[in-house]
N, C-alpha and C. Protein backbone atom coordinates (compact mmCIF):
# COMPACT_ATOMS: atom_id res chain seq x y z
N MET A 1 23.71 18.12 51.78
CA MET A 1 23.78 16.62 51.74
C MET A 1 22.30 15.91 52.52
N GLN A 2 21.54 15.17 52.05
CA GLN A 2 20.56 14.47 52.61
C GLN A 2 20.96 13.61 53.91
N ALA A 3 20.10 13.15 54.93
CA ALA A 3 20.86 12.34 55.78
C ALA A 3 20.82 10.81 55.38
N ARG A 4 20.15 10.87 54.52
CA ARG A 4 20.60 8.78 53.86
C ARG A 4 22.04 9.25 53.72
N GLY A 5 22.64 10.38 53.13
CA GLY A 5 23.81 10.21 52.39
C GLY A 5 24.63 9.47 53.95
N PRO A 6 25.08 9.43 55.09
CA PRO A 6 26.25 9.35 55.98
C PRO A 6 25.77 7.82 55.89
N LEU A 7 24.47 7.45 56.25
CA LEU A 7 23.46 6.07 55.97
C LEU A 7 24.19 5.32 55.13
N MET A 8 23.64 5.73 54.16
CA MET A 8 24.76 4.57 52.57
C MET A 8 26.42 4.72 52.97
N ILE A 9 26.88 6.03 52.97
CA ILE A 9 28.37 5.73 52.92
C ILE A 9 28.43 4.90 54.05
N GLU A 10 28.13 4.36 55.55
CA GLU A 10 28.30 3.38 56.43
C GLU A 10 27.95 1.98 55.85
N HIS A 11 26.60 2.00 54.91
CA HIS A 11 26.63 0.67 54.09
C HIS A 11 27.53 0.38 53.63
N ARG A 12 28.44 1.20 52.86
CA ARG A 12 29.55 1.10 51.92
C ARG A 12 30.65 -0.25 52.52
N LEU A 13 30.77 0.49 54.53
CA LEU A 13 31.69 -0.27 54.93
C LEU A 13 31.28 -1.27 55.42
N ILE A 14 29.98 -1.86 55.74
CA ILE A 14 28.87 -2.47 56.02
C ILE A 14 29.44 -3.91 54.73
N GLU A 15 29.35 -3.46 53.53
CA GLU A 15 29.64 -4.29 52.55
C GLU A 15 31.00 -4.84 52.57
N ARG A 16 31.61 -4.20 52.86
CA ARG A 16 33.51 -4.61 53.21
C ARG A 16 33.40 -5.66 53.84
N ILE A 17 32.63 -5.78 54.77
CA ILE A 17 33.14 -6.87 55.65
C ILE A 17 32.25 -8.58 55.13
N LEU A 18 31.47 -8.29 53.98
CA LEU A 18 30.94 -9.71 54.15
C LEU A 18 31.73 -10.12 53.14
N PRO A 19 32.56 -9.58 52.30
CA PRO A 19 33.52 -10.81 51.81
C PRO A 19 34.30 -11.48 52.59
N VAL A 20 35.11 -10.50 53.57
CA VAL A 20 35.57 -10.97 54.64
C VAL A 20 35.08 -12.09 55.08
N ALA A 21 33.96 -12.37 55.98
CA ALA A 21 33.05 -13.08 56.42
C ALA A 21 33.23 -14.52 55.44
N LYS A 22 32.53 -14.11 54.45
CA LYS A 22 32.71 -15.20 53.16
C LYS A 22 34.05 -16.00 53.24
N ASN A 23 34.98 -15.35 53.06
CA ASN A 23 36.36 -15.96 53.57
C ASN A 23 36.75 -16.91 54.55
N VAL A 24 35.91 -16.12 55.74
CA VAL A 24 35.97 -17.05 56.77
C VAL A 24 35.63 -18.28 56.59
N LEU A 25 34.06 -18.46 56.23
CA LEU A 25 33.31 -18.85 56.15
C LEU A 25 33.76 -20.27 54.66
N ASP A 26 34.62 -19.88 53.74
CA ASP A 26 35.17 -20.75 53.16
C ASP A 26 36.30 -21.73 53.95
N LYS A 27 36.98 -21.18 54.90
CA LYS A 27 37.84 -21.35 55.55
C LYS A 27 37.20 -22.58 56.21
N ILE A 28 36.20 -21.89 57.15
CA ILE A 28 35.55 -23.18 58.08
C ILE A 28 35.31 -24.74 56.92
N LYS A 29 34.36 -24.44 56.03
CA LYS A 29 34.25 -25.22 55.33
C LYS A 29 35.26 -25.83 54.81
N SER A 30 36.57 -25.48 54.17
CA SER A 30 37.74 -26.43 53.95
C SER A 30 38.47 -26.92 54.99
N THR A 31 38.56 -26.52 55.69
CA THR A 31 39.67 -26.58 56.93
C THR A 31 38.68 -27.71 58.09
N GLY A 32 37.43 -27.38 58.28
CA GLY A 32 36.89 -28.02 59.42
C GLY A 32 37.11 -27.07 60.63
N LYS A 33 37.76 -26.12 60.78
CA LYS A 33 38.41 -25.23 61.95
C LYS A 33 37.69 -23.86 62.17
N ALA A 34 37.60 -23.08 62.69
CA ALA A 34 37.05 -21.38 62.90
C ALA A 34 38.58 -21.08 63.39
N ASP A 35 38.66 -19.74 63.67
CA ASP A 35 39.73 -18.81 64.05
C ASP A 35 38.63 -18.10 64.63
N SER A 36 38.68 -18.46 66.09
CA SER A 36 37.63 -17.79 67.11
C SER A 36 37.89 -16.34 67.25
N VAL A 37 39.15 -16.06 67.35
CA VAL A 37 39.39 -14.33 67.33
C VAL A 37 38.88 -13.61 66.05
N PHE A 38 38.99 -14.25 64.99
CA PHE A 38 38.88 -13.40 63.51
C PHE A 38 37.52 -13.85 63.91
N VAL A 39 36.59 -14.46 64.03
CA VAL A 39 34.96 -14.71 64.04
C VAL A 39 34.47 -13.81 65.28
N ASP A 40 35.03 -13.38 66.58
CA ASP A 40 35.11 -12.33 67.58
C ASP A 40 35.25 -11.05 66.73
N LYS A 41 36.11 -10.73 66.14
CA LYS A 41 36.43 -9.20 65.41
C LYS A 41 35.40 -9.35 64.27
N ILE A 42 34.31 -9.99 63.34
CA ILE A 42 33.43 -9.90 62.74
C ILE A 42 32.19 -9.56 63.49
N ALA A 43 31.88 -10.00 64.52
CA ALA A 43 31.03 -10.10 65.10
C ALA A 43 30.98 -8.79 66.03
N ASP A 44 32.43 -8.50 66.60
CA ASP A 44 31.98 -7.52 67.28
C ASP A 44 32.06 -6.16 65.89
N PHE A 45 32.75 -6.21 64.87
CA PHE A 45 32.25 -5.15 64.02
C PHE A 45 30.72 -4.78 63.50
N ILE A 46 30.08 -6.07 63.76
CA ILE A 46 28.61 -6.04 63.46
C ILE A 46 27.97 -5.78 64.58
N ARG A 47 27.79 -6.28 65.94
CA ARG A 47 27.26 -6.00 66.87
C ARG A 47 27.88 -4.09 67.16
N ILE A 48 29.00 -3.31 66.48
CA ILE A 48 29.20 -1.82 67.11
C ILE A 48 28.84 -1.09 66.32
N TYR A 49 29.55 -1.51 64.83
CA TYR A 49 29.08 -0.58 64.03
C TYR A 49 27.98 -0.26 63.15
N ALA A 50 28.12 -2.00 62.68
CA ALA A 50 26.44 -2.19 62.14
C ALA A 50 25.16 -1.87 62.70
N ASP A 51 24.88 -2.71 64.04
CA ASP A 51 23.99 -2.40 64.90
C ASP A 51 24.22 -1.01 65.86
N GLN A 52 24.83 -0.98 66.79
CA GLN A 52 24.49 0.24 67.63
C GLN A 52 24.98 1.33 66.71
N ILE A 53 25.95 1.76 65.89
CA ILE A 53 25.76 2.64 65.33
C ILE A 53 25.16 3.00 64.11
N HIS A 54 25.60 2.42 63.29
CA HIS A 54 24.29 2.36 62.30
C HIS A 54 22.59 2.31 62.22
N HIS A 55 22.38 1.10 62.32
CA HIS A 55 21.26 0.64 62.88
C HIS A 55 20.48 1.67 64.06
N GLY A 56 21.80 2.15 64.82
CA GLY A 56 21.42 3.31 65.98
C GLY A 56 20.70 4.96 65.61
N LYS A 57 21.20 4.91 64.56
CA LYS A 57 20.94 6.55 63.75
C LYS A 57 19.85 6.10 62.70
N GLU A 58 19.59 4.64 62.43
CA GLU A 58 18.23 4.83 61.68
C GLU A 58 17.22 5.01 62.45
N GLU A 59 17.41 3.79 63.66
CA GLU A 59 16.22 3.50 64.33
C GLU A 59 15.71 4.79 65.11
N ASP A 60 16.93 5.65 65.92
CA ASP A 60 16.61 6.33 66.80
C ASP A 60 16.65 7.53 66.14
N ILE A 61 17.14 8.40 64.87
CA ILE A 61 16.92 9.55 64.08
C ILE A 61 15.75 9.48 63.42
N LEU A 62 16.44 8.59 62.10
CA LEU A 62 15.38 8.94 61.04
C LEU A 62 14.42 7.65 61.08
N PHE A 63 14.10 7.01 61.94
CA PHE A 63 12.65 6.09 61.94
C PHE A 63 11.95 7.29 62.54
N ARG A 64 12.40 7.48 63.61
CA ARG A 64 11.62 8.30 64.82
C ARG A 64 11.35 9.42 64.31
N CYS A 65 11.82 10.26 63.33
CA CYS A 65 11.31 10.97 62.45
C CYS A 65 10.46 10.75 61.63
N LEU A 66 10.79 9.42 61.04
CA LEU A 66 9.71 9.43 59.91
C LEU A 66 8.31 8.90 60.76
N ASP A 67 8.19 8.46 61.63
CA ASP A 67 7.18 7.75 62.21
C ASP A 67 5.58 9.04 62.61
N LYS A 68 6.78 10.09 62.67
CA LYS A 68 5.51 11.42 62.66
C LYS A 68 5.16 11.82 61.51
N LYS A 69 5.50 11.02 60.40
CA LYS A 69 5.00 11.68 59.51
C LYS A 69 3.88 10.66 58.97
N PRO A 70 3.01 11.59 58.06
CA PRO A 70 2.21 10.66 57.54
C PRO A 70 2.38 9.91 55.91
N LEU A 71 2.90 8.75 56.47
CA LEU A 71 3.85 8.10 55.34
C LEU A 71 2.76 7.10 54.62
N SER A 72 3.12 6.87 53.93
CA SER A 72 2.48 5.72 52.89
C SER A 72 1.85 4.58 53.37
N ALA A 73 0.78 3.49 53.60
CA ALA A 73 0.69 2.40 54.21
C ALA A 73 2.42 1.41 53.64
N ILE A 74 2.75 1.65 52.26
CA ILE A 74 3.71 0.96 51.79
C ILE A 74 4.68 1.35 53.16
N ASP A 75 5.12 2.41 52.87
CA ASP A 75 6.75 3.42 53.34
C ASP A 75 6.79 2.49 54.88
N ARG A 76 5.22 2.74 55.31
CA ARG A 76 5.19 2.68 56.84
C ARG A 76 5.78 0.66 57.12
N LYS A 77 5.19 0.17 56.30
CA LYS A 77 5.38 -1.21 56.61
C LYS A 77 6.69 -1.81 55.80
N VAL A 78 7.00 -0.86 54.91
CA VAL A 78 8.67 -0.92 54.72
C VAL A 78 9.58 -0.91 56.24
N MET A 79 9.48 0.23 56.72
CA MET A 79 9.73 0.53 57.79
C MET A 79 9.73 0.01 59.05
N LYS A 80 8.61 -0.48 59.25
CA LYS A 80 8.92 -2.30 60.20
C LYS A 80 9.30 -2.90 59.96
N GLU A 81 9.20 -3.39 58.88
CA GLU A 81 9.97 -4.78 58.02
C GLU A 81 11.50 -4.27 58.87
N LEU A 82 12.08 -2.87 58.27
CA LEU A 82 13.53 -2.83 58.55
C LEU A 82 13.09 -2.63 60.04
N ILE A 83 13.19 -2.42 60.93
CA ILE A 83 13.44 -2.58 62.22
C ILE A 83 13.15 -4.23 62.56
N GLU A 84 12.13 -4.67 62.19
CA GLU A 84 12.19 -6.12 62.68
C GLU A 84 13.50 -6.94 62.00
N GLU A 85 13.62 -6.26 60.63
CA GLU A 85 15.01 -6.81 60.50
C GLU A 85 16.25 -6.54 61.20
N HIS A 86 16.57 -5.09 61.58
CA HIS A 86 17.55 -5.14 62.79
C HIS A 86 17.59 -6.42 64.00
N VAL A 87 16.15 -6.30 64.44
CA VAL A 87 16.15 -7.15 65.84
C VAL A 87 16.63 -8.65 64.99
N PHE A 88 16.46 -9.04 64.22
CA PHE A 88 16.73 -10.43 63.48
C PHE A 88 18.34 -9.98 63.04
N GLY A 89 18.51 -9.22 63.23
CA GLY A 89 20.43 -9.08 62.30
C GLY A 89 21.03 -9.56 63.94
N ARG A 90 20.41 -8.76 65.14
CA ARG A 90 20.77 -8.54 66.43
C ARG A 90 20.81 -10.21 66.80
N GLN A 91 19.79 -10.82 66.49
CA GLN A 91 19.65 -12.43 67.01
C GLN A 91 20.91 -13.39 66.64
N THR A 92 20.88 -13.09 65.34
CA THR A 92 21.64 -13.95 64.39
C THR A 92 23.26 -13.44 64.89
N THR A 93 23.08 -12.47 65.27
CA THR A 93 24.74 -12.12 65.47
C THR A 93 25.12 -12.64 67.02
N LYS A 94 24.00 -12.60 67.86
CA LYS A 94 24.16 -13.31 69.48
C LYS A 94 24.46 -14.70 68.98
N GLY A 95 23.60 -15.18 68.25
CA GLY A 95 23.91 -16.68 67.88
C GLY A 95 25.34 -17.04 67.25
N LEU A 96 25.43 -15.95 66.64
CA LEU A 96 27.31 -16.11 66.23
C LEU A 96 28.00 -15.96 67.60
N VAL A 97 28.46 -15.29 68.13
CA VAL A 97 29.17 -15.08 69.45
C VAL A 97 28.79 -16.06 70.46
N ASP A 98 27.28 -16.63 70.59
CA ASP A 98 27.54 -17.45 71.34
C ASP A 98 28.14 -19.06 70.58
N ALA A 99 27.61 -19.34 69.86
CA ALA A 99 28.49 -20.39 69.30
C ALA A 99 29.70 -20.47 69.16
N ASN A 100 30.36 -19.34 68.58
CA ASN A 100 31.60 -19.20 68.62
C ASN A 100 32.44 -19.09 70.13
N MET A 101 31.87 -18.78 71.27
CA MET A 101 32.26 -19.22 73.02
C MET A 101 32.10 -20.70 73.04
N ARG A 102 31.12 -21.46 72.16
CA ARG A 102 31.07 -22.87 73.01
C ARG A 102 32.06 -23.29 71.97
N TYR A 103 32.51 -22.72 70.84
CA TYR A 103 33.35 -23.78 70.21
C TYR A 103 35.07 -23.51 70.82
N ARG A 104 34.86 -22.56 71.39
CA ARG A 104 36.70 -21.67 71.80
C ARG A 104 36.36 -22.82 73.05
N ASN A 105 35.72 -22.83 73.51
CA ASN A 105 35.57 -23.69 74.82
C ASN A 105 35.76 -25.18 74.53
N GLY A 106 35.80 -25.64 73.41
CA GLY A 106 36.08 -26.87 73.03
C GLY A 106 34.68 -27.88 72.55
N ASP A 107 33.43 -27.43 72.05
CA ASP A 107 32.67 -27.99 71.71
C ASP A 107 32.63 -27.82 70.16
N THR A 108 32.79 -28.61 69.70
CA THR A 108 33.24 -28.84 68.13
C THR A 108 32.08 -28.72 67.06
N ALA A 109 30.83 -29.42 67.84
CA ALA A 109 29.92 -29.25 67.17
C ALA A 109 29.23 -27.72 66.97
N ALA A 110 29.42 -27.08 67.64
CA ALA A 110 29.39 -25.09 67.53
C ALA A 110 30.01 -24.90 66.22
N LEU A 111 30.90 -25.64 65.53
CA LEU A 111 31.29 -24.98 64.05
C LEU A 111 30.33 -24.79 63.13
N SER A 112 29.30 -25.52 63.23
CA SER A 112 28.55 -25.80 62.00
C SER A 112 27.65 -24.62 62.12
N GLU A 113 27.09 -24.68 63.47
CA GLU A 113 26.19 -23.23 63.82
C GLU A 113 27.04 -21.89 63.55
N ILE A 114 28.44 -21.87 63.58
CA ILE A 114 28.97 -20.57 63.66
C ILE A 114 29.09 -20.60 61.82
N ALA A 115 29.22 -21.34 61.21
CA ALA A 115 29.24 -21.24 59.69
C ALA A 115 28.30 -21.05 58.90
N ASP A 116 26.49 -21.54 59.68
CA ASP A 116 25.77 -21.35 59.60
C ASP A 116 24.92 -19.40 60.06
N LYS A 117 25.78 -19.13 60.45
CA LYS A 117 24.93 -17.87 61.30
C LYS A 117 26.20 -16.84 60.53
N LEU A 118 27.48 -17.32 60.27
CA LEU A 118 28.18 -16.40 58.99
C LEU A 118 27.54 -16.18 57.72
N GLN A 119 26.80 -17.46 57.40
CA GLN A 119 25.99 -17.43 56.11
C GLN A 119 24.60 -16.25 56.23
N ILE A 120 23.97 -16.63 57.20
CA ILE A 120 23.10 -16.18 57.60
C ILE A 120 23.03 -14.39 57.71
N LEU A 121 23.99 -14.00 57.70
CA LEU A 121 24.17 -12.69 58.17
C LEU A 121 25.08 -12.20 56.76
N ILE A 122 26.00 -13.17 56.39
CA ILE A 122 26.13 -12.85 54.87
C ILE A 122 24.79 -12.19 53.97
N ASN A 123 23.91 -13.29 53.70
CA ASN A 123 23.05 -12.95 53.20
C ASN A 123 22.04 -12.37 53.67
N PHE A 124 21.95 -11.82 54.61
CA PHE A 124 20.74 -10.70 55.33
C PHE A 124 21.47 -9.68 54.88
N TYR A 125 22.45 -9.48 55.23
CA TYR A 125 23.22 -7.97 55.11
C TYR A 125 23.26 -7.12 53.66
N SER A 126 23.38 -8.11 52.89
CA SER A 126 23.57 -8.01 51.32
C SER A 126 21.85 -7.23 51.17
N LYS A 127 20.77 -8.36 51.44
CA LYS A 127 19.62 -7.80 50.93
C LYS A 127 19.24 -6.74 51.85
N HIS A 128 19.22 -6.46 53.19
CA HIS A 128 18.85 -5.75 54.18
C HIS A 128 19.39 -4.06 53.41
N ILE A 129 20.62 -3.95 52.73
CA ILE A 129 21.20 -3.07 52.73
C ILE A 129 20.39 -2.62 51.22
N GLU A 130 20.49 -3.18 50.17
CA GLU A 130 20.13 -2.82 48.65
C GLU A 130 18.26 -2.44 49.21
N LYS A 131 17.84 -3.25 50.37
CA LYS A 131 16.34 -2.54 50.49
C LYS A 131 16.18 -1.19 51.03
N GLU A 132 17.24 -0.92 51.67
CA GLU A 132 17.25 0.33 52.57
C GLU A 132 17.92 1.45 50.78
N ASP A 133 18.94 1.10 50.85
CA ASP A 133 19.15 2.07 49.78
C ASP A 133 18.45 2.48 48.29
N LYS A 134 18.30 1.14 47.92
CA LYS A 134 17.36 1.49 46.49
C LYS A 134 15.85 1.80 47.17
N MET A 135 14.81 1.24 48.14
CA MET A 135 13.61 1.37 48.37
C MET A 135 13.42 2.50 49.04
N PHE A 136 13.82 1.97 50.25
CA PHE A 136 13.29 2.68 51.29
C PHE A 136 13.89 4.50 51.38
N PHE A 137 15.25 4.16 51.54
CA PHE A 137 15.78 6.15 51.42
C PHE A 137 15.29 6.61 50.94
N PRO A 138 15.25 6.43 48.96
CA PRO A 138 14.41 7.35 47.97
C PRO A 138 13.27 7.48 48.67
N ALA A 139 12.32 6.98 49.32
CA ALA A 139 10.73 6.91 49.02
C ALA A 139 10.93 8.01 50.53
N ALA A 140 11.67 7.62 51.55
CA ALA A 140 11.76 8.01 53.13
C ALA A 140 12.01 9.70 52.63
N GLN A 141 13.22 9.84 51.70
CA GLN A 141 13.62 11.36 51.68
C GLN A 141 12.51 12.09 50.89
N SER A 142 11.58 12.01 50.43
CA SER A 142 10.16 12.34 49.99
C SER A 142 9.33 12.94 50.81
N TYR A 143 9.45 12.70 52.19
CA TYR A 143 8.86 13.20 53.62
C TYR A 143 9.54 13.85 54.11
N LEU A 144 10.64 14.24 53.75
CA LEU A 144 11.76 15.38 54.64
C LEU A 144 12.17 16.69 53.94
N SER A 145 12.10 17.40 54.85
CA SER A 145 12.64 18.70 54.49
C SER A 145 13.90 19.02 54.40
N ASP A 146 14.64 20.01 53.70
CA ASP A 146 16.14 20.27 54.02
C ASP A 146 16.19 20.98 55.39
N GLN A 147 15.26 21.34 55.88
CA GLN A 147 16.11 21.47 57.18
C GLN A 147 15.87 20.03 58.51
N GLU A 148 14.68 19.35 57.99
CA GLU A 148 14.68 18.22 58.75
C GLU A 148 16.04 17.48 58.28
N ASN A 149 16.23 17.43 57.08
CA ASN A 149 17.79 16.90 56.83
C ASN A 149 19.06 17.19 57.81
N GLN A 150 19.07 18.51 57.89
CA GLN A 150 20.25 19.28 58.22
C GLN A 150 20.16 19.19 59.72
N ALA A 151 18.88 18.98 60.42
CA ALA A 151 18.68 18.67 61.69
C ALA A 151 19.02 17.14 62.31
N MET A 152 18.91 16.14 60.86
CA MET A 152 19.13 14.59 61.51
C MET A 152 20.78 14.54 61.13
N LEU A 153 21.33 15.70 60.19
CA LEU A 153 22.58 15.35 60.27
C LEU A 153 23.56 15.35 61.31
N ALA A 154 23.13 16.39 62.00
CA ALA A 154 23.50 17.20 63.08
C ALA A 154 23.60 16.26 64.39
N GLU A 155 22.00 15.70 64.12
CA GLU A 155 22.17 14.79 65.07
C GLU A 155 22.99 13.51 65.22
N PHE A 156 22.92 13.12 64.19
CA PHE A 156 23.70 11.95 63.52
C PHE A 156 24.96 12.27 64.16
N ARG A 157 25.30 13.46 64.05
CA ARG A 157 27.09 13.82 64.41
C ARG A 157 27.27 13.54 66.20
N GLU A 158 26.04 14.09 66.53
CA GLU A 158 26.19 14.14 68.39
C GLU A 158 26.26 12.66 68.49
N PHE A 159 25.26 12.02 68.02
CA PHE A 159 25.27 10.68 68.28
C PHE A 159 26.55 9.79 67.76
N ASP A 160 26.90 9.80 67.05
CA ASP A 160 28.39 9.32 66.60
C ASP A 160 29.58 9.98 67.31
N GLY A 161 29.45 11.36 68.48
CA GLY A 161 30.93 11.49 69.45
C GLY A 161 29.91 11.00 70.84
N LYS A 162 29.24 10.92 70.87
CA LYS A 162 28.61 10.09 72.08
C LYS A 162 29.21 9.03 72.14
N MET A 163 29.04 8.01 70.96
CA MET A 163 29.03 6.70 70.70
C MET A 163 30.25 5.67 71.72
N ILE A 164 31.77 6.24 71.22
CA ILE A 164 32.87 6.16 71.79
C ILE A 164 33.09 5.99 73.56
N HIS A 165 32.57 7.10 74.24
CA HIS A 165 32.42 7.17 75.43
C HIS A 165 31.34 6.20 75.94
N LYS A 166 30.12 5.85 75.44
CA LYS A 166 29.15 4.64 75.52
C LYS A 166 30.07 3.69 75.44
N GLN A 167 30.57 3.17 74.56
CA GLN A 167 31.47 1.91 74.39
C GLN A 167 32.24 1.54 75.68
N TYR A 168 33.29 3.06 75.92
CA TYR A 168 34.30 2.54 76.94
C TYR A 168 33.89 2.64 78.29
N LYS A 169 32.93 3.49 78.59
CA LYS A 169 31.94 3.24 79.90
C LYS A 169 31.58 1.92 80.00
N ALA A 170 31.01 1.12 79.15
CA ALA A 170 30.38 -0.35 79.33
C ALA A 170 31.67 -1.18 79.41
N LEU A 171 32.79 -1.22 78.99
CA LEU A 171 33.87 -1.88 78.65
C LEU A 171 34.33 -1.78 80.14
N VAL A 172 35.03 -0.76 80.71
CA VAL A 172 35.20 -0.09 82.03
C VAL A 172 34.29 -0.68 82.81
N ALA A 173 32.94 -0.80 82.60
CA ALA A 173 31.97 -1.43 83.61
C ALA A 173 32.17 -3.18 83.68
N GLN A 174 32.07 -3.42 82.59
CA GLN A 174 32.52 -4.85 82.37
C GLN A 174 34.17 -5.44 83.13
N MET A 175 34.90 -4.36 82.84
CA MET A 175 35.94 -5.28 83.31
C MET A 175 36.31 -5.28 84.88
N GLU A 176 35.44 -4.25 85.56
CA GLU A 176 35.30 -3.89 86.84
C GLU A 176 34.44 -5.23 87.87
N GLN A 177 33.41 -5.85 86.74
CA GLN A 177 32.59 -6.78 87.14
C GLN A 177 33.45 -8.43 87.20
N THR A 178 34.55 -8.40 86.52
CA THR A 178 35.27 -9.47 86.12
C THR A 178 36.79 -9.20 87.30
N LYS A 179 36.87 -8.39 88.37
CA LYS A 179 38.09 -8.69 88.76
C LYS A 179 37.94 -9.46 89.97
């Protein structure tokens, strides 16, 4: 298997949350209310799975390896754009979380910001995934040997194995500060 394989499989799961987010957005528009708990679940999925787990592997493993390669100017530009898009996704998700917290605390004006951030994330992830799957990953593969692919796959597995421990250490530290 090539290193892009697991990343593309992860894309399929991320794509599955997009219609869920669209349904939440449609309910906000039709009822004028948001289910804050459900919005939190979407934001949590994006923060943990899409950003920390998926983008973490892309940035910390794949892009790190490719950065050492003599990429064409176009491929290097696209990789830089993808990193910038990851930052945009993080900022947009943070905006969603902040708006949802304000809404939960009684700020009804934050509802429009929740809707706006959901729409942005739905559009963003659709285009971002297509760019990676159809443009960047095939081009990137041409720079990688079979040995490099296998090494990255092993590093992906190690990365995933550490993630659960990282998440729960952070959760305990957060709970210790609030007691």
